Amino acid sequence: MLEHGGRLRAAAQHYGIHLADWLDLSTGIAPWSWPIPEIPTRAWARLPETDDGLEAAACTYYGVSRLLPVSGSQAAIQALPRVRSGGRVGVLSPCYAEHAHAWRKNGFVVREVGEQEVEYFLDSLDVLVVVNPNNPTGLHVSAERLLEWHARLAERGGWLVVDEAFMDNTPGMSLAAETWRAGLIVLRSFGKFFGLAGVRLGFVMAEPVLLRMLAQEIGPWSVSGPTRIIGQVCLSDQQGQARQRERCEQARARLVALLDRYGLSPQGGCALFQWLVNPEAQTLYEFCAQRGVLLRLFKGDTPETSSLRFGLPCDEADWLRLHDVLLEYRKEYP
């Protein structure tokens, strides 16, 4: 199992701080969760059915005519390599580590490439995986550039897989509406933007034949009945979505300003997190953790290449706590 953010219980045990006393900024999940609608008993008592309105609500939200709901986009990441024969896979890196891991696990030759290396390697690849916006760097590749890469791959029967887990705040930049193109696959995560990662819901958008293959690989009833109800309500709540985008953007700008204030200017990020490459990363991570503030540390080969990801604080108490910890840090490490 690869390591991910959000391992709060492990941090609480390691640092000897009670679970309830932590400020968890280690994930890229919106800190404001949608209210959970009333779940009727039948959703728990019966097997889920696919004509309950979830697919229709999701198609409207993403601007597509077809899609496949899955139990979190992680399920699709693991299943995609199983519906393609072997070959060479490029993963635009650094990014969410499960992508490269899933393809390697299924026998593919995987090359992790930087943004400037894609053009050089693209014609030798069968599949290119791009997380857009990227996690953790926040890099955003333009739709025009992605479609150029897709066209070159598609000429040889290749795939472009675009993981848009953090795209909800910038829907106009999504490639979802282009997934009528053969070999273009878009993955979307539900839980991050809606602040409901625990419901485990995601969507795959692609050509019909590929969606059918994925559905057969994943199997029936992959999304629970209660999750389907929650998803349909959230995806239909346009007013709530606008409010969520606005407060994410306000929090993003505030977080950038706070980090700038203490000489910790981010090198990248998106509406749900900020990314900082800094030789102080390990020291700052430990300093914060010892005071009950959990960040996400990415260890590099050297201190200079290590980095931190900061999620969004939820309320004024969280902002004040982060401010106080950073102020204390700068007094000790000027």
Protein backbone atom coordinates (compact mmCIF):
# COMPACT_ATOMS: atom_id res chain seq x y z
CA MET A 1 0.00 0.00 0.00
CA LEU A 2 1.36 3.42 -0.97
CA GLU A 3 1.38 6.22 1.58
CA HIS A 4 -1.24 8.96 1.26
CA GLY A 5 -2.34 12.04 3.16
CA GLY A 6 -5.09 11.89 5.74
CA ARG A 7 -3.46 9.23 7.96
CA LEU A 8 -4.51 11.16 11.03
CA ARG A 9 -4.82 8.21 13.42
CA ALA A 10 -1.25 7.15 12.69
CA ALA A 11 -0.01 10.70 13.31
CA ALA A 12 -1.98 10.93 16.56
CA GLN A 13 -0.41 7.72 17.80
CA HIS A 14 3.10 8.65 16.65
CA TYR A 15 3.13 12.13 18.18
CA GLY A 16 1.05 11.31 21.24
CA ILE A 17 -1.61 13.93 20.51
CA HIS A 18 -5.29 13.07 20.88
CA LEU A 19 -7.13 12.63 17.57
CA ALA A 20 -9.57 15.47 18.28
CA ASP A 21 -6.74 17.94 18.93
CA TRP A 22 -5.32 17.92 15.40
CA LEU A 23 -5.65 20.37 12.54
CA ASP A 24 -5.41 18.09 9.50
CA LEU A 25 -4.13 19.93 6.43
CA SER A 26 -2.57 16.82 4.88
CA THR A 27 -5.22 16.21 2.21
CA GLY A 28 -6.54 18.08 -0.82
CA ILE A 29 -10.15 17.65 0.27
CA ALA A 30 -12.44 20.65 0.70
CA PRO A 31 -12.88 21.20 4.46
CA TRP A 32 -16.58 22.10 4.04
CA SER A 33 -18.69 18.98 3.59
CA TRP A 34 -22.10 18.95 1.91
CA PRO A 35 -25.02 18.26 4.24
CA ILE A 36 -25.98 14.60 3.98
CA PRO A 37 -29.56 14.18 2.68
CA GLU A 38 -31.97 11.81 4.36
CA ILE A 39 -31.22 8.27 3.20
CA PRO A 40 -34.40 6.17 2.85
CA THR A 41 -34.34 2.68 4.30
CA ARG A 42 -34.74 1.12 0.85
CA ALA A 43 -31.27 2.44 -0.11
CA TRP A 44 -29.77 0.27 2.62
CA ALA A 45 -32.10 -2.68 2.15
CA ARG A 46 -31.96 -3.15 -1.64
CA LEU A 47 -29.19 -3.60 -4.18
CA PRO A 48 -28.46 -0.31 -5.98
CA GLU A 49 -30.05 0.28 -9.38
CA THR A 50 -28.64 2.34 -12.23
CA ASP A 51 -31.83 4.13 -13.23
CA ASP A 52 -32.19 6.18 -10.05
CA GLY A 53 -31.00 9.48 -11.59
CA LEU A 54 -27.33 9.51 -10.54
CA GLU A 55 -25.98 9.01 -14.06
CA ALA A 56 -28.29 11.72 -15.44
CA ALA A 57 -27.26 14.21 -12.74
CA ALA A 58 -23.58 13.41 -13.29
CA CYS A 59 -23.86 13.76 -17.08
CA THR A 60 -25.41 17.20 -16.65
CA TYR A 61 -22.76 18.25 -14.11
CA TYR A 62 -19.81 17.11 -16.25
CA GLY A 63 -21.34 18.06 -19.60
CA VAL A 64 -21.20 14.60 -21.17
CA SER A 65 -23.70 12.15 -22.65
CA ARG A 66 -22.36 9.01 -20.96
CA LEU A 67 -20.16 8.00 -18.04
CA LEU A 68 -19.49 5.19 -15.58
CA PRO A 69 -19.87 5.71 -11.82
CA VAL A 70 -17.21 3.90 -9.78
CA SER A 71 -16.37 3.59 -6.10
CA GLY A 72 -13.92 6.48 -6.18
CA SER A 73 -11.62 7.29 -9.09
CA GLN A 74 -9.08 4.99 -7.42
CA ALA A 75 -11.19 2.03 -8.60
CA ALA A 76 -10.79 3.19 -12.20
CA ILE A 77 -7.05 3.80 -11.76
CA GLN A 78 -6.65 0.18 -10.72
CA ALA A 79 -8.99 -1.24 -13.39
CA LEU A 80 -7.77 0.62 -16.49
CA PRO A 81 -4.53 -1.37 -16.91
CA ARG A 82 -6.55 -4.58 -16.82
CA VAL A 83 -8.51 -3.71 -19.96
CA ARG A 84 -5.45 -3.02 -22.12
CA SER A 85 -2.69 -5.32 -23.33
CA GLY A 86 0.93 -4.61 -22.41
CA GLY A 87 2.91 -1.67 -23.64
CA ARG A 88 4.79 1.45 -22.60
CA VAL A 89 3.15 3.95 -20.30
CA GLY A 90 4.27 7.48 -19.54
CA VAL A 91 3.14 9.19 -16.34
CA LEU A 92 3.61 12.95 -16.10
CA SER A 93 5.42 13.22 -12.77
CA PRO A 94 5.63 13.92 -9.92
CA CYS A 95 1.97 13.10 -9.41
CA TYR A 96 -0.45 10.87 -7.51
CA ALA A 97 1.67 7.75 -7.03
CA GLU A 98 -1.14 5.22 -7.57
CA HIS A 99 -1.10 5.78 -11.35
CA ALA A 100 2.41 4.51 -12.00
CA HIS A 101 1.96 1.81 -9.37
CA ALA A 102 -1.20 0.42 -11.02
CA TRP A 103 0.34 0.17 -14.49
CA ARG A 104 3.57 -1.39 -13.20
CA LYS A 105 1.62 -3.88 -11.11
CA ASN A 106 -0.13 -5.06 -14.29
CA GLY A 107 3.11 -5.64 -16.21
CA PHE A 108 3.44 -2.41 -18.17
CA VAL A 109 6.76 -0.67 -18.73
CA VAL A 110 6.32 2.70 -17.00
CA ARG A 111 8.40 5.81 -17.52
CA GLU A 112 7.80 8.79 -15.24
CA VAL A 113 8.39 11.92 -17.33
CA GLY A 114 8.60 15.61 -16.56
CA GLU A 115 6.48 18.20 -18.34
CA GLN A 116 9.33 19.16 -20.69
CA GLU A 117 10.06 15.51 -21.55
CA VAL A 118 6.62 14.56 -22.85
CA GLU A 119 7.28 15.75 -26.41
CA TYR A 120 10.48 13.71 -26.59
CA PHE A 121 8.98 10.45 -25.32
CA LEU A 122 5.38 10.68 -26.56
CA ASP A 123 5.83 8.82 -29.86
CA SER A 124 7.35 5.86 -28.01
CA LEU A 125 4.41 5.53 -25.60
CA ASP A 126 1.16 3.57 -25.83
CA VAL A 127 -0.48 5.39 -22.91
CA LEU A 128 0.14 8.78 -21.33
CA VAL A 129 -1.30 9.57 -17.90
CA VAL A 130 -1.70 13.21 -16.85
CA VAL A 131 -3.13 14.46 -13.55
CA ASN A 132 -4.64 17.86 -14.35
CA PRO A 133 -4.45 19.99 -12.25
CA ASN A 134 -1.56 17.98 -10.92
CA ASN A 135 -1.28 16.65 -7.39
CA PRO A 136 0.87 17.83 -5.65
CA THR A 137 2.47 20.44 -7.95
CA GLY A 138 -0.71 22.16 -9.14
CA LEU A 139 0.56 22.16 -12.74
CA HIS A 140 -2.28 22.78 -15.18
CA VAL A 141 -1.78 21.61 -18.76
CA SER A 142 -3.94 23.43 -21.30
CA ALA A 143 -6.73 21.59 -23.11
CA GLU A 144 -5.13 22.44 -26.45
CA ARG A 145 -1.86 20.82 -25.50
CA LEU A 146 -3.57 17.74 -24.10
CA LEU A 147 -5.62 17.29 -27.27
CA GLU A 148 -2.45 17.53 -29.35
CA TRP A 149 -0.89 14.77 -27.26
CA HIS A 150 -4.07 12.71 -27.56
CA ALA A 151 -4.14 13.03 -31.34
CA ARG A 152 -0.59 11.68 -31.62
CA LEU A 153 -1.37 8.77 -29.32
CA ALA A 154 -4.70 7.97 -31.00
CA GLU A 155 -3.04 7.63 -34.42
CA ARG A 156 -1.41 4.47 -33.04
CA GLY A 157 -4.34 3.25 -30.98
CA GLY A 158 -2.93 4.82 -27.84
CA TRP A 159 -4.67 6.32 -24.83
CA LEU A 160 -4.49 9.64 -23.06
CA VAL A 161 -5.73 9.24 -19.47
CA VAL A 162 -6.48 12.56 -17.76
CA ASP A 163 -7.13 12.44 -14.02
CA GLU A 164 -9.20 15.56 -13.24
CA ALA A 165 -9.66 14.87 -9.53
CA PHE A 166 -9.08 18.58 -8.71
CA MET A 167 -10.88 20.09 -11.72
CA ASP A 168 -14.24 20.96 -10.14
CA ASN A 169 -13.19 24.50 -9.23
CA THR A 170 -12.25 25.21 -12.87
CA PRO A 171 -14.84 23.25 -14.91
CA GLY A 172 -14.23 25.30 -18.05
CA MET A 173 -10.77 23.74 -18.35
CA SER A 174 -12.02 20.15 -18.28
CA LEU A 175 -11.65 17.73 -21.20
CA ALA A 176 -14.76 15.79 -20.18
CA ALA A 177 -16.79 17.06 -23.13
CA GLU A 178 -14.10 15.76 -25.51
CA THR A 179 -14.35 12.15 -24.40
CA TRP A 180 -16.27 11.21 -27.54
CA ARG A 181 -12.77 10.89 -29.02
CA ALA A 182 -11.38 7.34 -29.16
CA GLY A 183 -8.63 6.80 -26.63
CA LEU A 184 -9.39 9.84 -24.48
CA ILE A 185 -10.28 8.86 -20.90
CA VAL A 186 -11.15 11.37 -18.18
CA LEU A 187 -11.40 10.43 -14.51
CA ARG A 188 -13.27 12.60 -12.02
CA SER A 189 -13.34 12.40 -8.24
CA PHE A 190 -16.48 13.35 -6.33
CA GLY A 191 -15.27 13.50 -2.74
CA LYS A 192 -12.59 16.18 -2.94
CA PHE A 193 -14.68 19.13 -4.13
CA PHE A 194 -17.82 18.15 -2.22
CA GLY A 195 -15.86 17.43 0.96
CA LEU A 196 -17.22 13.88 1.14
CA ALA A 197 -14.26 11.63 0.39
CA GLY A 198 -15.68 8.95 2.68
CA VAL A 199 -18.60 8.18 0.37
CA ARG A 200 -16.14 6.77 -2.24
CA LEU A 201 -17.56 7.95 -5.56
CA GLY A 202 -15.94 8.81 -8.88
CA PHE A 203 -16.71 8.80 -12.58
CA VAL A 204 -15.05 7.65 -15.80
CA MET A 205 -15.77 9.38 -19.12
CA ALA A 206 -14.69 7.69 -22.34
CA GLU A 207 -15.96 6.13 -25.56
CA PRO A 208 -18.82 3.59 -25.08
CA VAL A 209 -16.80 0.45 -25.84
CA LEU A 210 -14.21 1.32 -23.19
CA LEU A 211 -16.88 2.14 -20.60
CA ARG A 212 -18.47 -1.26 -21.23
CA MET A 213 -15.11 -3.00 -20.80
CA LEU A 214 -14.46 -1.15 -17.56
CA ALA A 215 -17.94 -1.91 -16.25
CA GLN A 216 -17.40 -5.60 -16.90
CA GLU A 217 -14.00 -5.50 -15.21
CA ILE A 218 -15.24 -3.67 -12.12
CA GLY A 219 -18.45 -5.68 -11.81
CA PRO A 220 -22.00 -4.81 -10.71
CA TRP A 221 -23.10 -2.71 -7.72
CA SER A 222 -19.74 -0.98 -7.32
CA VAL A 223 -21.43 2.16 -5.97
CA SER A 224 -23.70 1.69 -2.94
CA GLY A 225 -27.31 2.84 -2.86
CA PRO A 226 -26.74 5.48 -0.14
CA THR A 227 -23.74 6.84 -2.04
CA ARG A 228 -25.81 7.12 -5.21
CA ILE A 229 -28.42 9.22 -3.38
CA ILE A 230 -25.78 11.52 -1.87
CA GLY A 231 -24.06 11.91 -5.24
CA GLN A 232 -27.25 12.79 -7.09
CA VAL A 233 -28.21 15.46 -4.53
CA CYS A 234 -24.78 17.10 -4.55
CA LEU A 235 -24.33 17.02 -8.31
CA SER A 236 -27.71 18.69 -8.77
CA ASP A 237 -27.10 21.49 -6.25
CA GLN A 238 -25.90 24.28 -8.53
CA GLN A 239 -26.24 26.99 -5.90
CA GLY A 240 -24.18 25.00 -3.44
CA GLN A 241 -21.53 24.31 -6.06
CA ALA A 242 -21.14 28.03 -6.80
CA ARG A 243 -20.78 28.75 -3.09
CA GLN A 244 -18.17 26.01 -2.71
CA ARG A 245 -16.10 27.34 -5.60
CA GLU A 246 -16.19 30.85 -4.16
CA ARG A 247 -15.05 29.89 -0.69
CA CYS A 248 -12.36 27.56 -2.06
CA GLU A 249 -10.95 30.42 -4.13
CA GLN A 250 -11.06 32.80 -1.18
CA ALA A 251 -9.31 30.25 1.04
CA ARG A 252 -6.71 29.54 -1.65
CA ALA A 253 -5.79 33.21 -1.91
CA ARG A 254 -5.67 33.56 1.87
CA LEU A 255 -3.42 30.51 2.23
CA VAL A 256 -1.00 31.80 -0.39
CA ALA A 257 -0.83 35.16 1.39
CA LEU A 258 -0.24 33.50 4.78
CA LEU A 259 2.58 31.33 3.46
CA ASP A 260 4.13 34.30 1.66
CA ARG A 261 4.08 36.24 4.93
CA TYR A 262 6.40 33.71 6.56
CA GLY A 263 8.79 33.27 3.64
CA LEU A 264 7.18 30.02 2.51
CA SER A 265 5.87 31.07 -0.90
CA PRO A 266 4.29 28.13 -2.77
CA GLN A 267 5.71 26.97 -6.09
CA GLY A 268 2.32 25.65 -7.21
CA GLY A 269 -1.14 24.65 -6.17
CA CYS A 270 -4.81 24.78 -7.04
CA ALA A 271 -8.05 25.75 -5.31
CA LEU A 272 -7.77 22.94 -2.74
CA PHE A 273 -4.09 22.94 -1.78
CA GLN A 274 -0.73 24.70 -2.09
CA TRP A 275 2.64 23.08 -2.77
CA LEU A 276 5.96 24.25 -1.36
CA VAL A 277 9.42 22.96 -2.37
CA ASN A 278 11.82 24.02 0.34
CA PRO A 279 14.94 22.68 2.09
CA GLU A 280 13.08 23.35 5.35
CA ALA A 281 10.26 20.94 4.41
CA GLN A 282 11.21 18.11 6.79
CA THR A 283 11.92 20.51 9.66
CA LEU A 284 8.68 22.43 9.16
CA TYR A 285 6.68 19.22 8.88
CA GLU A 286 8.03 17.93 12.21
CA PHE A 287 7.61 21.31 13.90
CA CYS A 288 3.96 21.50 12.86
CA ALA A 289 3.21 17.86 13.67
CA GLN A 290 4.62 18.19 17.18
CA ARG A 291 2.03 20.95 17.68
CA GLY A 292 -0.87 18.99 16.21
CA VAL A 293 -0.89 20.44 12.68
CA LEU A 294 -0.59 17.72 10.04
CA LEU A 295 0.83 18.57 6.60
CA ARG A 296 1.71 16.24 3.74
CA LEU A 297 5.46 15.69 3.35
CA PHE A 298 7.02 14.50 0.09
CA LYS A 299 10.59 13.43 0.77
CA GLY A 300 13.04 14.21 -2.02
CA ASP A 301 16.46 12.72 -2.69
CA THR A 302 17.93 15.77 -0.96
CA PRO A 303 16.52 18.36 1.48
CA GLU A 304 16.40 20.84 -1.41
CA THR A 305 13.97 18.65 -3.35
CA SER A 306 11.64 17.80 -0.45
CA SER A 307 8.24 19.47 -0.47
CA LEU A 308 5.08 20.06 1.53
CA ARG A 309 1.43 20.24 0.58
CA PHE A 310 -0.90 22.47 2.61
CA GLY A 311 -4.64 21.83 2.51
CA LEU A 312 -7.23 24.50 3.27
CA PRO A 313 -8.15 25.46 6.86
CA CYS A 314 -11.89 25.26 7.55
CA ASP A 315 -12.73 28.16 9.86
CA GLU A 316 -11.25 31.13 11.71
CA ALA A 317 -10.02 28.97 14.57
CA ASP A 318 -8.07 26.82 12.09
CA TRP A 319 -6.63 29.87 10.35
CA LEU A 320 -5.52 31.36 13.66
CA ARG A 321 -3.93 28.09 14.71
CA LEU A 322 -1.96 27.79 11.47
CA HIS A 323 -0.89 31.42 11.74
CA ASP A 324 0.33 30.92 15.32
CA VAL A 325 2.30 27.77 14.45
CA LEU A 326 4.00 29.45 11.48
CA LEU A 327 4.79 32.52 13.58
CA GLU A 328 6.30 30.31 16.27
CA TYR A 329 8.28 28.43 13.61
CA ARG A 330 9.76 31.60 12.17
CA LYS A 331 10.80 32.78 15.63
CA GLU A 332 12.68 29.52 16.18
CA TYR A 333 13.94 29.19 12.60
CA PRO A 334 14.34 32.78 11.27
